């Protein structure tokens, strides 16, 4: 069985994303919005993601340039976290990206 979507928003999840999440190679949609997650996020994400919603969490690390490895991303929602630093220019290389939400 292949896992294509994970919807765990509004579940009061805490802690960090486990590195094993990167092993879910068939994952296309990851929605972990409105939880209490923190840590660096992009090194653990599956390369084939199309939809990533990590809004309303407690991520505070810089927005890592390695997100550009997620070349299939069409939507990134990172609203209402506590990121620092600039949005990397390499986001412009995400040719499939249609929505980028950062605030």
N, C-alpha and C. Protein backbone atom coordinates (compact mmCIF):
# COMPACT_ATOMS: atom_id res chain seq x y z
N UNK A 1 0.84 -1.18 0.00
CA UNK A 1 0.00 0.00 0.00
C UNK A 1 0.88 1.25 0.00
N UNK A 2 0.57 2.17 -0.89
CA UNK A 2 1.32 3.42 -0.98
C UNK A 2 0.54 4.53 -0.29
N UNK A 3 1.23 5.35 0.44
CA UNK A 3 0.62 6.48 1.15
C UNK A 3 0.80 7.74 0.31
N UNK A 4 -0.31 8.34 -0.14
CA UNK A 4 -0.24 9.52 -0.99
C UNK A 4 -0.53 10.81 -0.23
N UNK A 5 -1.31 10.75 0.85
CA UNK A 5 -1.74 11.96 1.54
C UNK A 5 -1.71 11.75 3.05
N UNK A 6 -1.29 12.79 3.76
CA UNK A 6 -1.34 12.81 5.22
C UNK A 6 -2.02 14.11 5.62
N UNK A 7 -3.16 13.98 6.28
CA UNK A 7 -3.91 15.13 6.79
C UNK A 7 -4.00 14.99 8.31
N UNK A 8 -3.16 15.71 9.02
CA UNK A 8 -3.14 15.66 10.49
C UNK A 8 -3.25 17.06 11.07
N UNK A 9 -3.93 17.95 10.39
CA UNK A 9 -4.11 19.29 10.91
C UNK A 9 -5.04 19.27 12.12
N UNK A 10 -4.85 20.25 13.01
CA UNK A 10 -5.69 20.43 14.21
C UNK A 10 -5.65 19.21 15.14
N UNK A 11 -4.47 18.62 15.34
CA UNK A 11 -4.35 17.44 16.18
C UNK A 11 -3.49 17.66 17.42
N UNK A 12 -3.09 18.88 17.68
CA UNK A 12 -2.25 19.21 18.84
C UNK A 12 -0.94 18.41 18.86
N UNK A 13 -0.39 18.12 17.68
CA UNK A 13 0.89 17.42 17.60
C UNK A 13 1.99 18.35 18.11
N UNK A 14 2.96 17.79 18.82
CA UNK A 14 4.08 18.56 19.34
C UNK A 14 5.38 17.90 18.94
N UNK A 15 6.47 18.65 19.07
CA UNK A 15 7.78 18.09 18.80
C UNK A 15 8.27 18.42 17.41
N UNK A 16 9.10 17.52 16.88
CA UNK A 16 9.73 17.75 15.58
C UNK A 16 9.22 16.73 14.57
N UNK A 17 9.43 17.04 13.31
CA UNK A 17 9.10 16.07 12.26
C UNK A 17 10.15 14.97 12.29
N UNK A 18 9.74 13.72 12.32
CA UNK A 18 10.72 12.64 12.32
C UNK A 18 11.42 12.54 10.97
N UNK A 19 12.71 12.27 10.96
CA UNK A 19 13.44 12.16 9.69
C UNK A 19 12.86 11.07 8.80
N UNK A 20 12.20 10.09 9.37
CA UNK A 20 11.63 8.99 8.60
C UNK A 20 10.53 9.44 7.65
N UNK A 21 10.01 10.64 7.84
CA UNK A 21 8.97 11.12 6.94
C UNK A 21 9.50 11.21 5.51
N UNK A 22 10.79 11.39 5.37
CA UNK A 22 11.41 11.42 4.05
C UNK A 22 11.36 10.07 3.34
N UNK A 23 11.13 9.01 4.08
CA UNK A 23 11.04 7.67 3.49
C UNK A 23 9.69 7.42 2.82
N UNK A 24 8.73 8.30 2.99
CA UNK A 24 7.41 8.14 2.37
C UNK A 24 7.48 8.66 0.93
N UNK A 25 8.13 7.91 0.09
CA UNK A 25 8.46 8.38 -1.25
C UNK A 25 7.25 8.61 -2.15
N UNK A 26 6.12 8.01 -1.85
CA UNK A 26 4.92 8.21 -2.68
C UNK A 26 4.05 9.36 -2.16
N UNK A 27 4.46 10.01 -1.07
CA UNK A 27 3.66 11.07 -0.46
C UNK A 27 3.61 12.30 -1.36
N UNK A 28 2.39 12.75 -1.66
CA UNK A 28 2.17 13.93 -2.51
C UNK A 28 1.61 15.10 -1.71
N UNK A 29 0.83 14.83 -0.67
CA UNK A 29 0.18 15.87 0.12
C UNK A 29 0.54 15.69 1.59
N UNK A 30 1.06 16.74 2.21
CA UNK A 30 1.36 16.72 3.64
C UNK A 30 0.75 17.96 4.26
N UNK A 31 -0.26 17.74 5.10
CA UNK A 31 -0.93 18.85 5.78
C UNK A 31 -0.84 18.62 7.28
N UNK A 32 0.01 19.40 7.91
CA UNK A 32 0.21 19.34 9.36
C UNK A 32 -0.11 20.69 10.00
N UNK A 33 -1.01 21.42 9.39
CA UNK A 33 -1.34 22.78 9.85
C UNK A 33 -1.96 22.77 11.24
N UNK A 34 -1.77 23.86 11.92
CA UNK A 34 -2.32 24.15 13.24
C UNK A 34 -2.04 23.05 14.26
N UNK A 35 -0.77 22.83 14.49
CA UNK A 35 -0.30 21.95 15.54
C UNK A 35 0.72 22.73 16.37
N UNK A 36 1.63 22.05 16.99
CA UNK A 36 2.66 22.72 17.80
C UNK A 36 4.02 22.15 17.43
N UNK A 37 4.25 21.98 16.13
CA UNK A 37 5.49 21.38 15.64
C UNK A 37 6.58 22.44 15.54
N UNK A 38 7.82 22.00 15.69
CA UNK A 38 8.95 22.91 15.59
C UNK A 38 10.13 22.18 14.99
N UNK A 39 11.23 22.86 14.79
CA UNK A 39 12.50 22.35 14.28
C UNK A 39 12.71 22.76 12.84
N UNK A 40 13.82 22.28 12.28
CA UNK A 40 14.06 22.46 10.85
C UNK A 40 13.19 21.46 10.12
N UNK A 41 12.68 21.86 8.97
CA UNK A 41 11.68 21.00 8.35
C UNK A 41 12.06 20.40 7.02
N UNK A 42 12.79 21.08 6.19
CA UNK A 42 12.86 20.67 4.81
C UNK A 42 13.81 19.52 4.51
N UNK A 43 14.73 19.22 5.40
CA UNK A 43 15.64 18.12 5.13
C UNK A 43 14.97 16.76 5.23
N UNK A 44 13.80 16.69 5.85
CA UNK A 44 13.14 15.41 6.06
C UNK A 44 11.99 15.15 5.09
N UNK A 45 11.68 16.07 4.22
CA UNK A 45 10.47 15.95 3.42
C UNK A 45 10.69 15.11 2.17
N UNK A 46 9.66 14.34 1.78
CA UNK A 46 9.77 13.51 0.57
C UNK A 46 9.92 14.38 -0.68
N UNK A 47 10.77 13.97 -1.56
CA UNK A 47 11.12 14.76 -2.73
C UNK A 47 9.94 14.96 -3.69
N UNK A 48 8.94 14.09 -3.68
CA UNK A 48 7.83 14.16 -4.62
C UNK A 48 6.62 14.94 -4.15
N UNK A 49 6.73 15.67 -3.05
CA UNK A 49 5.57 16.42 -2.53
C UNK A 49 5.03 17.42 -3.55
N UNK A 50 3.70 17.50 -3.64
CA UNK A 50 3.03 18.52 -4.46
C UNK A 50 2.45 19.63 -3.58
N UNK A 51 2.04 19.27 -2.36
CA UNK A 51 1.29 20.18 -1.49
C UNK A 51 1.88 20.07 -0.09
N UNK A 52 2.30 21.20 0.45
CA UNK A 52 2.89 21.23 1.79
C UNK A 52 2.25 22.35 2.59
N UNK A 53 1.55 21.98 3.66
CA UNK A 53 0.93 22.98 4.54
C UNK A 53 1.43 22.74 5.96
N UNK A 54 2.29 23.65 6.41
CA UNK A 54 2.82 23.61 7.78
C UNK A 54 2.45 24.89 8.52
N UNK A 55 1.39 25.53 8.10
CA UNK A 55 0.99 26.79 8.70
C UNK A 55 0.53 26.60 10.15
N UNK A 56 0.59 27.70 10.88
CA UNK A 56 0.12 27.73 12.27
C UNK A 56 0.79 26.68 13.14
N UNK A 57 2.12 26.66 13.10
CA UNK A 57 2.92 25.80 13.96
C UNK A 57 3.93 26.67 14.69
N UNK A 58 5.00 26.10 15.14
CA UNK A 58 6.01 26.85 15.89
C UNK A 58 7.40 26.69 15.27
N UNK A 59 7.46 26.54 13.96
CA UNK A 59 8.76 26.44 13.30
C UNK A 59 9.47 27.78 13.42
N UNK A 60 10.74 27.74 13.82
CA UNK A 60 11.46 28.99 14.04
C UNK A 60 12.80 29.03 13.34
N UNK A 61 13.19 27.99 12.67
CA UNK A 61 14.47 28.00 11.97
C UNK A 61 14.36 28.84 10.70
N UNK A 62 15.48 29.11 10.09
CA UNK A 62 15.46 29.86 8.84
C UNK A 62 14.79 29.00 7.76
N UNK A 63 14.28 29.67 6.75
CA UNK A 63 13.70 28.94 5.63
C UNK A 63 14.85 28.39 4.81
N UNK A 64 15.01 27.09 4.84
CA UNK A 64 16.18 26.47 4.24
C UNK A 64 16.13 26.45 2.72
N UNK A 65 17.29 26.63 2.12
CA UNK A 65 17.39 26.61 0.67
C UNK A 65 17.09 25.23 0.10
N UNK A 66 17.19 24.19 0.91
CA UNK A 66 16.99 22.83 0.40
C UNK A 66 15.56 22.57 -0.02
N UNK A 67 14.64 23.49 0.25
CA UNK A 67 13.26 23.31 -0.23
C UNK A 67 13.25 23.26 -1.76
N UNK A 68 14.25 23.82 -2.39
CA UNK A 68 14.28 23.79 -3.85
C UNK A 68 14.50 22.39 -4.39
N UNK A 69 14.87 21.44 -3.54
CA UNK A 69 14.94 20.05 -3.97
C UNK A 69 13.56 19.45 -4.17
N UNK A 70 12.53 20.09 -3.65
CA UNK A 70 11.16 19.61 -3.76
C UNK A 70 10.55 20.18 -5.04
N UNK A 71 11.04 19.73 -6.17
CA UNK A 71 10.74 20.35 -7.46
C UNK A 71 9.31 20.14 -7.92
N UNK A 72 8.55 19.25 -7.29
CA UNK A 72 7.17 19.01 -7.69
C UNK A 72 6.17 19.87 -6.91
N UNK A 73 6.65 20.67 -5.97
CA UNK A 73 5.75 21.47 -5.14
C UNK A 73 4.92 22.44 -5.97
N UNK A 74 3.62 22.41 -5.73
CA UNK A 74 2.70 23.35 -6.36
C UNK A 74 2.18 24.36 -5.34
N UNK A 75 2.12 23.96 -4.06
CA UNK A 75 1.64 24.85 -3.00
C UNK A 75 2.52 24.68 -1.77
N UNK A 76 2.96 25.79 -1.22
CA UNK A 76 3.67 25.82 0.06
C UNK A 76 2.95 26.83 0.94
N UNK A 77 2.44 26.38 2.08
CA UNK A 77 1.80 27.28 3.04
C UNK A 77 2.58 27.21 4.35
N UNK A 78 3.29 28.29 4.65
CA UNK A 78 4.08 28.38 5.87
C UNK A 78 3.62 29.54 6.74
N UNK A 79 2.39 29.98 6.56
CA UNK A 79 1.85 31.11 7.31
C UNK A 79 1.94 30.88 8.82
N UNK A 80 2.14 31.94 9.53
CA UNK A 80 2.07 31.97 11.00
C UNK A 80 2.99 30.96 11.67
N UNK A 81 4.26 31.05 11.33
CA UNK A 81 5.32 30.37 12.05
C UNK A 81 6.26 31.47 12.53
N UNK A 82 7.44 31.12 12.94
CA UNK A 82 8.38 32.12 13.44
C UNK A 82 9.71 32.00 12.73
N UNK A 83 9.65 31.92 11.42
CA UNK A 83 10.87 31.83 10.62
C UNK A 83 11.65 33.12 10.69
N UNK A 84 12.94 33.01 10.39
CA UNK A 84 13.78 34.20 10.31
C UNK A 84 14.59 34.13 9.03
N UNK A 85 15.15 35.24 8.66
CA UNK A 85 15.96 35.29 7.45
C UNK A 85 15.13 35.64 6.23
N UNK A 86 15.81 35.63 5.10
CA UNK A 86 15.19 35.99 3.84
C UNK A 86 14.61 34.76 3.15
N UNK A 87 13.66 35.01 2.27
CA UNK A 87 13.16 33.93 1.41
C UNK A 87 14.26 33.67 0.39
N UNK A 88 14.76 32.46 0.32
CA UNK A 88 15.87 32.19 -0.61
C UNK A 88 15.47 32.44 -2.06
N UNK A 89 16.37 33.03 -2.81
CA UNK A 89 16.13 33.27 -4.23
C UNK A 89 15.89 31.97 -4.98
N UNK A 90 16.41 30.88 -4.45
CA UNK A 90 16.26 29.58 -5.10
C UNK A 90 14.81 29.11 -5.16
N UNK A 91 13.90 29.76 -4.41
CA UNK A 91 12.47 29.44 -4.53
C UNK A 91 12.01 29.69 -5.97
N UNK A 92 12.67 30.60 -6.65
CA UNK A 92 12.33 30.90 -8.03
C UNK A 92 12.57 29.75 -8.98
N UNK A 93 13.30 28.74 -8.54
CA UNK A 93 13.57 27.57 -9.37
C UNK A 93 12.47 26.52 -9.29
N UNK A 94 11.50 26.74 -8.42
CA UNK A 94 10.39 25.79 -8.28
C UNK A 94 9.37 26.06 -9.39
N UNK A 95 9.59 25.44 -10.53
CA UNK A 95 8.81 25.75 -11.73
C UNK A 95 7.34 25.34 -11.62
N UNK A 96 7.01 24.37 -10.77
CA UNK A 96 5.63 23.92 -10.62
C UNK A 96 4.86 24.76 -9.59
N UNK A 97 5.56 25.58 -8.83
CA UNK A 97 4.96 26.31 -7.72
C UNK A 97 3.92 27.32 -8.20
N UNK A 98 2.70 27.20 -7.66
CA UNK A 98 1.62 28.11 -8.01
C UNK A 98 1.25 29.01 -6.83
N UNK A 99 1.42 28.52 -5.59
CA UNK A 99 1.06 29.27 -4.38
C UNK A 99 2.20 29.18 -3.37
N UNK A 100 2.63 30.34 -2.91
CA UNK A 100 3.62 30.42 -1.83
C UNK A 100 3.04 31.37 -0.79
N UNK A 101 2.76 30.83 0.38
CA UNK A 101 2.17 31.62 1.45
C UNK A 101 3.12 31.64 2.64
N UNK A 102 3.69 32.80 2.88
CA UNK A 102 4.61 32.99 4.02
C UNK A 102 4.28 34.33 4.65
N UNK A 103 4.12 34.32 5.96
CA UNK A 103 3.82 35.56 6.68
C UNK A 103 4.45 35.50 8.03
